[in-house]
Structure formats: C-alpha cells, structure tokens
C-alpha cells in the first residue's frame, strides 16, 4: 500500500518538522494515511518508539547506539541515501492481558516464561523473567516479539511459529488473539485498515474465533502424548507374569464435544495415527514435563504447547487452546451415556473480572439498582474499570470493601 513516493514525501515532512524545532535525536513522527494515500500529521514522539526494532531489522541500524552517539556530540556516519529497506518486519506486543475477558489486565507470578529462540529472523526484547511478578502498578507489556523476513508472507509465517513457541504460564497473555489475527484471511491479504478489529470482532473476542484448519491433528497429538504416558506406565515393576497390561491400538479422543476415533501404529521415532481417512505420521522426542512439543507430522515440522492437566491434555497451537481427553473405546462409550454437568448459576453475584485493587464500591446493602448503574470500580495497570449492573437487582451483601486486593472471579457483591 505504502509506495516509495508516499514514503519519501512523509519522510520529508518528518525531517522538516524536526528541523523546525531543532530536534537532535531519534524521534517518531506519526501520520494518518487515507485510502487515496493522502496523509495527515498526528503527533511526534520525541523518543524511541516501541516498534523501533522493526526499523532496526529492515535497515540494519542500532537506533539506541545512534541516539547515544548523537547525545555525545558525534555526527551521523551515514546519509539518507545510504539507507535501504531490506525485507519485511513486524512486531507483536506481548501483554499481560486476557483476550477472552475483554483484554482485562492479568497479574501474578510468571511461573513459566520461555520466549522462542532468537535467530533466523526472530528477536525478543523483554525485561521480565521466570519467577518474576507482574504487578497491577505498571503497564501490561511484558515483551516484544519481532520477526524479519524476505517478504510479508515469510514474516507472517515466522511470527506464527514464534508465537507457537512462546511459553507463558501463571498469567494470561494476548498471544491467542495475535495468533488469531495472523490466521485471519483479511490480515494475510493486507487488505485492512484501522477499523479492522471493530469490523471483524464487533462483539469482542472469544475462543470460538480462533480458527484451526485441522483440529484432528491436535487430537492426534494428544493421543501421541497419552500413548507415551501409557508406554511408561506399563513398565512398572512387580507385575504378575503373563498379566501385564496390553496397550490397545484403538483409542478415542474427546475434544470440544466431539469424539475422534484413532488407530495407532508404531513407527520409528514415533507413531502413525489414523483418524477417518487421514494418517498423521508423528515423529518426536518429546518427553513428559516439556511444555513445547517439537517434531514432524508427515515430514513437516510442527511446534505447539502441550501439558497434562489431570485426565486431559491442554494443547495450544496457532492461538487455539483445546483440552482433549484420550480414552479407551469402552470408556468413551460409557462417557457418552453420562448426563452433562451444567455450570453453576452465578447471576446472583458480582465477580471481579480481573486481579486488581477495588477502588470504589458504589452501592450499599439493600439498595435497588437499575441495569447500567455503576456497582464498583477496579484499578489495575494504570486503568480504571467500571463494573455495571447487567439487570435490575437488589444488593443483599457487600462481600469486600473498597481498598481490598481482588483476584479473578472473587465475589464483590451478592444480590437477592
């Protein structure tokens, strides 16, 4: 979209502005560009931009180094004509926000923080560490993930793979949303504008909006992990001779309310797992405790996140999170006969949608509240979030008082 002529004109305007105020350091002039490529001044940031690594990767410059040299009185060792744009770069801000709760802040301890390996077009800038605390008092950004490729398509592919390999536990992050964007056809085509999110997600973002073109693949991976566990379990000592457990070759994966029958065959380095008319030849040296599952499926490399959670396996791939359960054929049949357990009715409670500080309780016990009226205010990460009544209610009990620190889903108010 942005052709060389428009880019040159914008650069000239930015230089003219800097000269007009005698500005001598790195800075960013922002413009809003119309569909006809007309552009209008928005603001100037007299500092490094958060996205400065993108500029560094496509130009080969270290902007921080240049800032220090200019501050020390040195002149730039290059001219505008020396600078060339090489390839394509993009950046994802990794924020401690929960995209499935309206991007509300997520605080707590970083139980696991394992960024993807740097190199081969991948860069990670961060100041947090595994075991560190993400508090309610600061900005939600905890890392920047930057990729570089020969073209936009390669940059998107590298960003997808890097997000798959970015392990964060203990808090929620916006990685699922970013992964969903990178899968969206409109984003991939490049045909979007500043109204993209409002147009594509008018009712907000939820788990159903994270696409995956082959959910049976995830079911097959879970069967692979389960069989690895069973293979180890049957090696227990003290078994009666001739009565050892025989591992079945037919299994059923229950995922998303659907059953995926699987036939398993052992192959060198892994398993060939067949569902319907498709076979997944999975080869991996994955071991228990590894959150990253790396290997090949039908000869193509794959990287996803997997962890055992009781009887289930939580798998994250391209932003989608599923919790399949791998069962024997008979157990899956018996499960299908069980009545569905309904979730509890929480409509009589106001729950905290995020961890934070309860700044204000706006009602008193016995008060009749109309739909839309303010109930409480929670503060976290430099933002105030006003909680309002969804319907007409009467306050029965104020459970916590203003000034209290809240955790996610903690009860604030009980209604009659």
Protein backbone atom coordinates (compact mmCIF):
# COMPACT_ATOMS: atom_id res chain seq x y z
CA UNK A 1 0.00 0.00 0.00
CA UNK A 2 2.70 2.49 1.01
CA UNK A 3 4.64 3.14 -2.19
CA UNK A 4 8.14 4.72 -2.34
CA UNK A 5 6.81 8.12 -3.40
CA UNK A 6 4.42 8.39 -0.45
CA UNK A 7 7.07 7.11 1.96
CA UNK A 8 9.54 9.70 0.64
CA UNK A 9 7.01 12.53 1.00
CA UNK A 10 6.21 11.51 4.57
CA UNK A 11 9.91 11.34 5.41
CA UNK A 12 10.50 14.81 4.04
CA UNK A 13 7.66 16.20 6.19
CA UNK A 14 9.07 14.48 9.27
CA UNK A 15 12.55 15.93 8.64
CA UNK A 16 11.07 19.39 8.09
CA UNK A 17 9.25 19.19 11.42
CA UNK A 18 12.39 18.08 13.27
CA UNK A 19 14.39 20.92 11.73
CA UNK A 20 11.70 23.46 12.61
CA UNK A 21 12.11 22.70 16.34
CA UNK A 22 15.87 22.00 16.14
CA UNK A 23 15.33 18.40 17.28
CA UNK A 24 18.53 16.34 17.51
CA UNK A 25 17.88 12.73 18.50
CA UNK A 26 15.79 9.75 17.49
CA UNK A 27 12.11 10.58 17.25
CA UNK A 28 8.95 9.34 15.58
CA UNK A 29 6.53 11.44 13.55
CA UNK A 30 3.16 9.74 13.12
CA UNK A 31 0.78 10.29 10.24
CA UNK A 32 -2.70 9.03 9.42
CA UNK A 33 -2.90 7.83 5.81
CA UNK A 34 -6.11 7.77 3.79
CA UNK A 35 -7.23 5.27 1.19
CA UNK A 36 -6.03 7.69 -1.54
CA UNK A 37 -2.59 7.81 0.15
CA UNK A 38 -3.09 11.36 1.36
CA UNK A 39 -1.56 11.71 4.81
CA UNK A 40 -2.05 13.98 7.79
CA UNK A 41 0.13 14.79 10.80
CA UNK A 42 -0.95 13.06 14.01
CA UNK A 43 1.80 13.57 16.60
CA UNK A 44 5.52 13.39 17.25
CA UNK A 45 7.05 11.16 19.92
CA UNK A 46 10.36 12.66 20.99
CA UNK A 47 11.78 9.28 21.92
CA UNK A 48 12.25 5.78 20.67
CA UNK A 49 9.03 4.18 19.51
CA UNK A 50 8.00 0.84 21.00
CA UNK A 51 8.23 -0.55 17.46
CA UNK A 52 11.78 0.71 16.86
CA UNK A 53 13.11 -2.89 16.39
CA UNK A 54 11.11 -3.05 13.15
CA UNK A 55 13.11 -0.12 11.80
CA UNK A 56 16.33 -1.68 13.04
CA UNK A 57 15.69 -5.01 11.34
CA UNK A 58 14.85 -3.57 7.93
CA UNK A 59 17.71 -1.01 7.94
CA UNK A 60 20.43 -2.80 9.93
CA UNK A 61 20.85 0.23 12.22
CA UNK A 62 21.05 0.19 16.02
CA UNK A 63 18.91 3.21 16.87
CA UNK A 64 19.84 3.21 20.56
CA UNK A 65 23.53 3.32 19.65
CA UNK A 66 22.90 6.21 17.27
CA UNK A 67 20.99 8.12 19.97
CA UNK A 68 23.91 7.76 22.37
CA UNK A 69 26.42 8.83 19.74
CA UNK A 70 24.37 11.92 18.84
CA UNK A 71 23.99 12.79 22.53
CA UNK A 72 27.78 12.54 22.86
CA UNK A 73 28.19 15.13 20.12
CA UNK A 74 29.02 12.81 17.23
CA UNK A 75 27.60 13.28 13.76
CA UNK A 76 25.80 10.51 11.92
CA UNK A 77 28.18 8.38 9.87
CA UNK A 78 25.60 7.82 7.13
CA UNK A 79 23.19 9.80 4.97
CA UNK A 80 19.61 9.14 3.93
CA UNK A 81 20.84 7.83 0.59
CA UNK A 82 22.87 5.17 2.43
CA UNK A 83 19.76 3.67 3.99
CA UNK A 84 17.98 0.87 2.16
CA UNK A 85 14.90 -1.10 3.17
CA UNK A 86 15.68 -4.80 3.38
CA UNK A 87 12.75 -7.21 3.54
CA UNK A 88 9.76 -7.02 5.85
CA UNK A 89 9.46 -6.86 9.63
CA UNK A 90 6.60 -6.90 12.12
CA UNK A 91 6.24 -6.78 15.89
CA UNK A 92 3.80 -8.23 18.42
CA UNK A 93 3.48 -6.63 21.82
CA UNK A 94 3.16 -9.44 24.34
CA UNK A 95 0.85 -8.02 27.01
CA UNK A 96 -0.33 -9.42 30.33
CA UNK A 97 -3.96 -9.19 29.25
CA UNK A 98 -6.70 -11.77 28.92
CA UNK A 99 -8.22 -11.57 25.41
CA UNK A 100 -11.10 -13.81 26.47
CA UNK A 101 -12.09 -11.35 29.22
CA UNK A 102 -12.16 -8.21 27.14
CA UNK A 103 -8.36 -7.73 27.37
CA UNK A 104 -8.53 -7.01 31.08
CA UNK A 105 -5.17 -6.96 32.91
CA UNK A 106 -3.74 -10.22 34.23
CA UNK A 107 -1.35 -10.05 37.17
CA UNK A 108 0.55 -12.61 39.16
CA UNK A 109 3.77 -14.60 39.09
CA UNK A 110 5.40 -15.73 35.87
CA UNK A 111 5.50 -19.42 36.69
CA UNK A 112 6.94 -20.11 33.24
CA UNK A 113 8.45 -17.58 30.85
CA UNK A 114 10.13 -19.18 27.86
CA UNK A 115 10.38 -16.95 24.79
CA UNK A 116 11.11 -18.51 21.41
CA UNK A 117 14.75 -18.95 20.46
CA UNK A 118 16.26 -15.87 18.84
CA UNK A 119 17.91 -16.00 15.44
CA UNK A 120 16.73 -16.91 11.95
CA UNK A 121 14.68 -13.73 11.75
CA UNK A 122 13.30 -13.82 15.31
CA UNK A 123 14.09 -11.25 18.03
CA UNK A 124 12.75 -10.90 21.58
CA UNK A 125 13.05 -7.73 23.69
CA UNK A 126 11.95 -8.12 27.31
CA UNK A 127 12.74 -7.11 30.86
CA UNK A 128 10.84 -9.80 32.77
CA UNK A 129 11.97 -13.23 33.87
CA UNK A 130 10.63 -16.58 35.00
CA UNK A 131 9.58 -16.35 38.63
CA UNK A 132 9.10 -12.58 38.44
CA UNK A 133 5.95 -10.77 39.50
CA UNK A 134 3.66 -8.94 37.07
CA UNK A 135 2.05 -6.37 39.34
CA UNK A 136 -1.01 -4.17 38.98
CA UNK A 137 1.02 -0.96 39.18
CA UNK A 138 2.71 -0.89 35.77
CA UNK A 139 1.99 -1.17 32.06
CA UNK A 140 0.82 -4.55 30.82
CA UNK A 141 3.52 -5.04 28.15
CA UNK A 142 5.98 -7.73 29.21
CA UNK A 143 7.83 -8.44 25.95
CA UNK A 144 8.15 -7.53 22.29
CA UNK A 145 8.35 -10.27 19.67
CA UNK A 146 9.82 -9.11 16.38
CA UNK A 147 10.39 -11.06 13.18
CA UNK A 148 12.07 -10.28 9.87
CA UNK A 149 11.60 -11.97 6.52
CA UNK A 150 12.38 -11.50 2.87
CA UNK A 151 8.73 -10.53 2.31
CA UNK A 152 5.48 -10.11 4.22
CA UNK A 153 4.40 -13.72 3.76
CA UNK A 154 7.64 -15.06 5.26
CA UNK A 155 7.44 -12.57 8.14
CA UNK A 156 3.88 -13.75 8.93
CA UNK A 157 4.97 -17.42 8.86
CA UNK A 158 7.87 -16.70 11.21
CA UNK A 159 5.63 -14.76 13.58
CA UNK A 160 3.11 -17.61 13.66
CA UNK A 161 5.84 -20.11 14.52
CA UNK A 162 7.37 -17.78 17.12
CA UNK A 163 4.01 -17.30 18.85
CA UNK A 164 3.52 -21.08 18.91
CA UNK A 165 6.82 -21.38 20.76
CA UNK A 166 6.28 -18.54 23.26
CA UNK A 167 5.53 -20.21 26.61
CA UNK A 168 3.88 -18.12 29.35
CA UNK A 169 2.30 -19.63 32.46
CA UNK A 170 0.97 -18.07 35.65
CA UNK A 171 -0.73 -15.16 33.92
CA UNK A 172 -2.82 -14.72 30.80
CA UNK A 173 -1.40 -13.07 27.69
CA UNK A 174 -2.76 -11.69 24.43
CA UNK A 175 -0.91 -14.31 22.35
CA UNK A 176 -4.13 -16.20 21.38
CA UNK A 177 -5.58 -13.01 19.91
CA UNK A 178 -2.42 -12.19 17.99
CA UNK A 179 -2.24 -15.73 16.66
CA UNK A 180 -5.87 -15.45 15.51
CA UNK A 181 -5.09 -12.19 13.70
CA UNK A 182 -2.15 -13.81 11.90
CA UNK A 183 -4.51 -16.55 10.66
CA UNK A 184 -7.23 -14.13 9.54
CA UNK A 185 -7.60 -14.08 5.72
CA UNK A 186 -8.14 -10.33 5.64
CA UNK A 187 -4.97 -9.65 7.62
CA UNK A 188 -2.98 -12.08 5.50
CA UNK A 189 -4.17 -10.37 2.32
CA UNK A 190 -3.03 -6.98 3.60
CA UNK A 191 -6.45 -5.50 2.83
CA UNK A 192 -7.29 -3.92 6.19
CA UNK A 193 -7.34 -0.55 7.94
CA UNK A 194 -7.51 0.92 11.45
CA UNK A 195 -11.12 -0.28 11.75
CA UNK A 196 -10.14 -3.93 11.28
CA UNK A 197 -10.71 -5.12 14.86
CA UNK A 198 -14.00 -3.25 15.27
CA UNK A 199 -15.25 -4.60 11.94
CA UNK A 200 -14.16 -8.22 12.41
CA UNK A 201 -14.82 -8.56 16.16
CA UNK A 202 -17.78 -6.22 16.83
CA UNK A 203 -18.95 -8.25 19.85
CA UNK A 204 -15.46 -8.76 21.24
CA UNK A 205 -13.14 -11.73 21.01
CA UNK A 206 -13.82 -15.23 22.27
CA UNK A 207 -12.31 -18.69 21.93
CA UNK A 208 -14.61 -19.68 19.08
CA UNK A 209 -12.96 -17.04 16.88
CA UNK A 210 -9.58 -18.79 16.92
CA UNK A 211 -9.51 -20.88 13.73
CA UNK A 212 -7.68 -24.13 13.13
CA UNK A 213 -7.78 -25.82 9.75
CA UNK A 214 -7.14 -29.33 11.11
CA UNK A 215 -8.48 -29.99 14.65
CA UNK A 216 -7.99 -33.74 14.12
CA UNK A 217 -4.24 -33.03 14.10
CA UNK A 218 -4.49 -31.73 17.67
CA UNK A 219 -6.47 -34.81 18.64
CA UNK A 220 -3.74 -37.00 17.12
CA UNK A 221 -1.03 -35.13 19.06
CA UNK A 222 -2.94 -35.69 22.30
CA UNK A 223 -3.20 -39.40 21.51
CA UNK A 224 0.56 -39.46 20.88
CA UNK A 225 1.19 -37.86 24.28
CA UNK A 226 -1.22 -40.21 26.04
CA UNK A 227 0.40 -43.28 24.48
CA UNK A 228 3.83 -42.05 25.59
CA UNK A 229 2.45 -41.88 29.14
CA UNK A 230 0.85 -45.33 28.90
CA UNK A 231 4.04 -46.85 27.47
CA UNK A 232 5.91 -45.66 30.54
CA UNK A 233 3.17 -46.73 32.96
CA UNK A 234 3.10 -50.36 31.74
CA UNK A 235 6.78 -50.73 32.63
CA UNK A 236 6.04 -50.63 36.36
CA UNK A 237 7.79 -53.33 38.35
CA UNK A 238 6.09 -56.13 40.29
CA UNK A 239 3.55 -57.17 37.67
CA UNK A 240 2.38 -60.78 37.67
CA UNK A 241 3.98 -62.79 34.91
CA UNK A 242 1.61 -63.11 31.99
CA UNK A 243 -0.77 -60.48 33.38
CA UNK A 244 0.94 -57.29 32.23
CA UNK A 245 -1.18 -54.59 30.66
CA UNK A 246 -1.51 -54.79 26.92
CA UNK A 247 -1.62 -51.39 25.23
CA UNK A 248 -4.54 -51.09 22.83
CA UNK A 249 -4.11 -49.77 19.31
CA UNK A 250 -7.55 -48.14 19.12
CA UNK A 251 -8.37 -45.03 21.17
CA UNK A 252 -10.93 -42.23 21.23
CA UNK A 253 -10.10 -38.56 21.73
CA UNK A 254 -12.93 -36.48 23.20
CA UNK A 255 -12.45 -32.83 22.30
CA UNK A 256 -14.88 -29.96 22.00
CA UNK A 257 -17.88 -32.23 22.48
CA UNK A 258 -16.83 -34.43 19.57
CA UNK A 259 -15.26 -37.91 19.51
CA UNK A 260 -12.26 -38.64 17.29
CA UNK A 261 -11.61 -42.42 16.91
CA UNK A 262 -7.88 -43.07 16.49
CA UNK A 263 -5.97 -46.12 15.25
CA UNK A 264 -2.34 -46.17 16.37
CA UNK A 265 0.59 -47.90 14.71
CA UNK A 266 4.16 -47.70 16.00
CA UNK A 267 6.80 -46.37 13.58
CA UNK A 268 10.45 -45.49 14.02
CA UNK A 269 10.75 -42.47 16.32
CA UNK A 270 7.03 -42.06 16.79
CA UNK A 271 3.55 -43.21 15.78
CA UNK A 272 1.29 -43.30 12.74
CA UNK A 273 -2.14 -42.22 13.98
CA UNK A 274 -5.13 -42.56 11.68
CA UNK A 275 -8.45 -40.75 12.02
CA UNK A 276 -11.11 -41.35 9.37
CA UNK A 277 -9.20 -41.47 6.09
CA UNK A 278 -6.19 -39.37 7.17
CA UNK A 279 -2.98 -40.63 8.75
CA UNK A 280 -0.63 -38.46 10.79
CA UNK A 281 2.92 -39.82 10.92
CA UNK A 282 4.16 -38.10 14.08
CA UNK A 283 7.87 -38.27 14.92
CA UNK A 284 9.11 -36.51 18.07
CA UNK A 285 11.47 -36.96 21.02
CA UNK A 286 9.02 -35.11 23.28
CA UNK A 287 9.28 -36.06 26.95
CA UNK A 288 6.98 -35.53 29.94
CA UNK A 289 7.43 -32.12 31.51
CA UNK A 290 8.32 -30.44 28.21
CA UNK A 291 5.78 -27.72 27.51
CA UNK A 292 6.97 -27.44 23.93
CA UNK A 293 6.18 -30.28 21.58
CA UNK A 294 8.54 -30.24 18.61
CA UNK A 295 8.73 -32.79 15.86
CA UNK A 296 7.38 -33.56 12.41
CA UNK A 297 3.95 -34.55 11.12
CA UNK A 298 4.02 -36.25 7.75
CA UNK A 299 7.53 -34.87 7.30
CA UNK A 300 6.65 -31.24 8.05
CA UNK A 301 7.95 -29.54 11.22
CA UNK A 302 5.50 -28.70 13.96
CA UNK A 303 5.76 -26.76 17.21
CA UNK A 304 2.97 -26.48 19.75
CA UNK A 305 2.47 -26.36 23.50
CA UNK A 306 1.14 -29.30 25.50
CA UNK A 307 0.76 -30.09 29.18
CA UNK A 308 -1.07 -32.73 31.16
CA UNK A 309 -3.94 -31.47 33.33
CA UNK A 310 -5.44 -34.38 35.21
CA UNK A 311 -7.17 -36.62 32.71
CA UNK A 312 -6.83 -34.04 29.97
CA UNK A 313 -4.05 -32.52 27.87
CA UNK A 314 -4.09 -28.80 27.22
CA UNK A 315 -2.80 -28.05 23.71
CA UNK A 316 -2.09 -24.57 22.32
CA UNK A 317 -1.49 -24.12 18.60
CA UNK A 318 -1.96 -21.01 16.44
CA UNK A 319 -3.75 -19.37 19.38
CA UNK A 320 -6.32 -22.14 19.77
CA UNK A 321 -6.47 -23.84 23.18
CA UNK A 322 -8.14 -27.23 23.49
CA UNK A 323 -8.27 -29.75 26.33
CA UNK A 324 -8.77 -33.18 24.76
CA UNK A 325 -9.25 -36.32 26.81
CA UNK A 326 -7.82 -39.59 25.44
CA UNK A 327 -9.81 -42.67 26.39
CA UNK A 328 -10.19 -46.32 25.57
CA UNK A 329 -13.02 -47.16 23.20
CA UNK A 330 -15.15 -48.61 26.01
CA UNK A 331 -14.54 -45.68 28.35
CA UNK A 332 -15.52 -43.21 25.61
CA UNK A 333 -18.77 -45.11 25.04
CA UNK A 334 -19.62 -45.06 28.76
CA UNK A 335 -18.81 -41.34 28.93
CA UNK A 336 -21.27 -40.67 26.11
CA UNK A 337 -24.04 -42.10 28.33
CA UNK A 338 -23.30 -39.75 31.22
CA UNK A 339 -25.56 -36.70 31.75
CA UNK A 340 -23.95 -33.33 31.10
CA UNK A 341 -22.98 -31.36 34.19
CA UNK A 342 -24.38 -27.84 33.98
CA UNK A 343 -22.28 -24.87 35.18
CA UNK A 344 -23.37 -23.16 38.42
CA UNK A 345 -25.65 -20.10 38.28
CA UNK A 346 -23.52 -17.08 39.22
CA UNK A 347 -26.01 -14.41 38.19
CA UNK A 348 -26.58 -13.50 41.86
CA UNK A 349 -23.01 -12.37 42.30
CA UNK A 350 -20.79 -9.59 41.02
CA UNK A 351 -17.42 -11.23 40.34
CA UNK A 352 -14.12 -9.48 39.76
CA UNK A 353 -13.25 -9.96 36.08
CA UNK A 354 -9.54 -9.43 36.79
CA UNK A 355 -6.99 -9.10 39.60
CA UNK A 356 -6.69 -5.55 40.86
CA UNK A 357 -7.45 -3.00 43.56
CA UNK A 358 -11.08 -2.38 44.50
CA UNK A 359 -11.05 1.40 44.30
CA UNK A 360 -14.75 2.00 44.96
CA UNK A 361 -17.96 0.22 45.91
CA UNK A 362 -20.75 2.43 44.57
CA UNK A 363 -23.77 0.80 46.27
CA UNK A 364 -24.93 -0.14 49.77
CA UNK A 365 -26.72 -3.17 51.14
CA UNK A 366 -30.46 -3.08 50.48
CA UNK A 367 -30.13 -0.65 47.58
CA UNK A 368 -32.18 -1.27 44.45
CA UNK A 369 -30.00 -0.90 41.37
CA UNK A 370 -31.14 -0.38 37.80
CA UNK A 371 -29.48 -2.01 34.80
CA UNK A 372 -26.49 0.04 33.66
CA UNK A 373 -25.84 1.69 37.03
CA UNK A 374 -22.33 1.64 38.46
CA UNK A 375 -21.61 -1.03 41.06
CA UNK A 376 -17.86 -0.85 41.63
CA UNK A 377 -14.55 0.39 40.23
CA UNK A 378 -11.41 -1.76 39.94
CA UNK A 379 -7.98 -0.35 39.20
CA UNK A 380 -5.12 -2.28 37.61
CA UNK A 381 -2.18 -1.47 35.33
CA UNK A 382 -2.93 2.26 35.11
CA UNK A 383 -6.55 1.62 34.08
CA UNK A 384 -9.85 2.03 35.90
CA UNK A 385 -12.57 -0.48 35.04
CA UNK A 386 -16.16 0.38 35.95
CA UNK A 387 -18.42 -2.60 36.71
CA UNK A 388 -22.12 -2.00 35.96
CA UNK A 389 -25.31 -3.93 36.64
CA UNK A 390 -26.49 -6.15 33.77
CA UNK A 391 -30.09 -6.09 35.02
CA UNK A 392 -32.27 -4.61 37.78
CA UNK A 393 -31.08 -6.07 41.11
CA UNK A 394 -31.20 -5.52 44.87
CA UNK A 395 -27.96 -5.58 46.83
CA UNK A 396 -28.04 -8.26 49.53
CA UNK A 397 -24.46 -8.14 50.81
CA UNK A 398 -21.23 -6.23 50.21
CA UNK A 399 -18.65 -9.01 50.44
CA UNK A 400 -15.45 -6.97 50.18
CA UNK A 401 -14.77 -3.33 50.97
CA UNK A 402 -13.03 -0.62 48.98
CA UNK A 403 -9.25 -0.86 49.22
CA UNK A 404 -9.16 -4.66 49.03
CA UNK A 405 -6.94 -6.53 46.58
CA UNK A 406 -9.01 -8.79 44.36
CA UNK A 407 -8.25 -11.98 42.49
CA UNK A 408 -10.01 -13.13 39.31
CA UNK A 409 -13.63 -14.24 39.91
CA UNK A 410 -13.59 -13.15 43.56
CA UNK A 411 -17.08 -12.23 44.80
CA UNK A 412 -17.54 -8.49 45.39
CA UNK A 413 -21.32 -8.15 45.83
CA UNK A 414 -24.15 -10.64 46.40
CA UNK A 415 -27.63 -9.86 45.08
CA UNK A 416 -31.03 -11.05 46.28
